[in-house]
Amino acid sequence: MTFLISFLLLHTLFLGGTMLATLIAMHGAVWDGNSGILKAGSVYSTLLGITILVLWAVFGIMLFSREPGPNGRFVWR
């Protein structure tokens, strides 16, 4: 039961962080209603969002690539 709760919490945290970083990255794009296209907004905001997404992906890979060790605790592969 505790594994299920921790599993759901980790996935909620991971998905929430991914959505937040995506929103920061998309904040750099501004919708231009006249031409109907996305125009570049703040370049820094886009770069910040992309950087957060990359770091979050590395964190997620590290987080979910653990496996139970001989003593029952999770260890890195």
C-alpha atoms as a PDB file:
ATOM      1  CA  MET A   1       0.000   0.000   0.000  1.00  0.00           C
ATOM      2  CA  THR A   2       2.799   2.405   0.849  1.00  0.00           C
ATOM      3  CA  PHE A   3       4.469   1.509  -2.455  1.00  0.00           C
ATOM      4  CA  LEU A   4       1.290   2.445  -4.322  1.00  0.00           C
ATOM      5  CA  ILE A   5       1.016   5.780  -2.513  1.00  0.00           C
ATOM      6  CA  SER A   6       4.681   6.648  -3.080  1.00  0.00           C
ATOM      7  CA  PHE A   7       4.412   5.517  -6.718  1.00  0.00           C
ATOM      8  CA  LEU A   8       1.399   7.781  -7.320  1.00  0.00           C
ATOM      9  CA  LEU A   9       3.041  10.709  -5.522  1.00  0.00           C
ATOM     10  CA  LEU A  10       6.228  10.376  -7.563  1.00  0.00           C
ATOM     11  CA  HIS A  11       4.320  10.217 -10.835  1.00  0.00           C
ATOM     12  CA  THR A  12       2.175  13.200  -9.843  1.00  0.00           C
ATOM     13  CA  LEU A  13       5.301  15.170  -8.949  1.00  0.00           C
ATOM     14  CA  PHE A  14       7.028  14.149 -12.182  1.00  0.00           C
ATOM     15  CA  LEU A  15       4.050  14.954 -14.426  1.00  0.00           C
ATOM     16  CA  GLY A  16       3.387  18.223 -12.590  1.00  0.00           C
ATOM     17  CA  GLY A  17       6.985  19.336 -13.018  1.00  0.00           C
ATOM     18  CA  THR A  18       6.917  18.391 -16.690  1.00  0.00           C
ATOM     19  CA  MET A  19       3.743  20.403 -17.257  1.00  0.00           C
ATOM     20  CA  LEU A  20       5.198  23.389 -15.386  1.00  0.00           C
ATOM     21  CA  ALA A  21       8.393  23.341 -17.454  1.00  0.00           C
ATOM     22  CA  THR A  22       6.337  23.016 -20.648  1.00  0.00           C
ATOM     23  CA  LEU A  23       4.239  26.034 -19.670  1.00  0.00           C
ATOM     24  CA  ILE A  24       7.393  28.050 -19.002  1.00  0.00           C
ATOM     25  CA  ALA A  25       8.752  27.043 -22.415  1.00  0.00           C
ATOM     26  CA  MET A  26       5.459  27.882 -24.145  1.00  0.00           C
ATOM     27  CA  HIS A  27       5.339  31.248 -22.380  1.00  0.00           C
ATOM     28  CA  GLY A  28       8.123  32.290 -24.756  1.00  0.00           C
ATOM     29  CA  ALA A  29       5.761  31.912 -27.704  1.00  0.00           C
ATOM     30  CA  VAL A  30       3.148  34.589 -28.286  1.00  0.00           C
ATOM     31  CA  TRP A  31       0.017  33.975 -30.360  1.00  0.00           C
ATOM     32  CA  ASP A  32      -0.404  36.553 -33.104  1.00  0.00           C
ATOM     33  CA  GLY A  33      -4.097  36.708 -33.929  1.00  0.00           C
ATOM     34  CA  ASN A  34      -3.591  38.698 -37.133  1.00  0.00           C
ATOM     35  CA  SER A  35      -1.390  36.177 -38.917  1.00  0.00           C
ATOM     36  CA  GLY A  36      -2.649  33.137 -36.999  1.00  0.00           C
ATOM     37  CA  ILE A  37       0.814  31.877 -36.118  1.00  0.00           C
ATOM     38  CA  LEU A  38       2.958  31.589 -33.028  1.00  0.00           C
ATOM     39  CA  LYS A  39       5.631  34.268 -32.871  1.00  0.00           C
ATOM     40  CA  ALA A  40       8.750  34.097 -30.754  1.00  0.00           C
ATOM     41  CA  GLY A  41       8.278  35.900 -27.472  1.00  0.00           C
ATOM     42  CA  SER A  42      10.871  35.867 -24.732  1.00  0.00           C
ATOM     43  CA  VAL A  43      13.838  33.803 -25.853  1.00  0.00           C
ATOM     44  CA  TYR A  44      15.064  33.563 -22.282  1.00  0.00           C
ATOM     45  CA  SER A  45      11.764  32.109 -21.118  1.00  0.00           C
ATOM     46  CA  THR A  46      11.888  29.478 -23.862  1.00  0.00           C
ATOM     47  CA  LEU A  47      15.485  28.556 -23.051  1.00  0.00           C
ATOM     48  CA  LEU A  48      14.646  28.367 -19.343  1.00  0.00           C
ATOM     49  CA  GLY A  49      11.714  26.040 -20.031  1.00  0.00           C
ATOM     50  CA  ILE A  50      13.769  23.794 -22.307  1.00  0.00           C
ATOM     51  CA  THR A  51      16.572  23.665 -19.730  1.00  0.00           C
ATOM     52  CA  ILE A  52      14.100  22.713 -16.994  1.00  0.00           C
ATOM     53  CA  LEU A  53      12.589  20.022 -19.249  1.00  0.00           C
ATOM     54  CA  VAL A  54      16.023  18.496 -19.929  1.00  0.00           C
ATOM     55  CA  LEU A  55      17.020  18.562 -16.262  1.00  0.00           C
ATOM     56  CA  TRP A  56      13.611  17.167 -15.260  1.00  0.00           C
ATOM     57  CA  ALA A  57      13.997  14.333 -17.804  1.00  0.00           C
ATOM     58  CA  VAL A  58      17.414  13.433 -16.385  1.00  0.00           C
ATOM     59  CA  PHE A  59      15.943  13.539 -12.864  1.00  0.00           C
ATOM     60  CA  GLY A  60      13.054  11.302 -13.958  1.00  0.00           C
ATOM     61  CA  ILE A  61      15.348   8.772 -15.599  1.00  0.00           C
ATOM     62  CA  MET A  62      17.484   8.647 -12.457  1.00  0.00           C
ATOM     63  CA  LEU A  63      14.418   8.421 -10.224  1.00  0.00           C
ATOM     64  CA  PHE A  64      12.678   5.616 -12.105  1.00  0.00           C
ATOM     65  CA  SER A  65      15.793   3.581 -12.905  1.00  0.00           C
ATOM     66  CA  ARG A  66      16.197   2.351  -9.343  1.00  0.00           C
ATOM     67  CA  GLU A  67      15.648  -1.223  -8.306  1.00  0.00           C
ATOM     68  CA  PRO A  68      15.376  -3.010  -4.941  1.00  0.00           C
ATOM     69  CA  GLY A  69      18.721  -4.014  -3.495  1.00  0.00           C
ATOM     70  CA  PRO A  70      19.544  -7.069  -1.370  1.00  0.00           C
ATOM     71  CA  ASN A  71      18.447  -5.320   1.832  1.00  0.00           C
ATOM     72  CA  GLY A  72      15.094  -4.248   0.375  1.00  0.00           C
ATOM     73  CA  ARG A  73      16.036  -0.611  -0.118  1.00  0.00           C
ATOM     74  CA  PHE A  74      16.182   0.962  -3.536  1.00  0.00           C
ATOM     75  CA  VAL A  75      19.633   1.318  -5.051  1.00  0.00           C
ATOM     76  CA  TRP A  76      20.882   2.816  -8.322  1.00  0.00           C
ATOM     77  CA  ARG A  77      21.546   0.420 -11.168  1.00  0.00           C
END
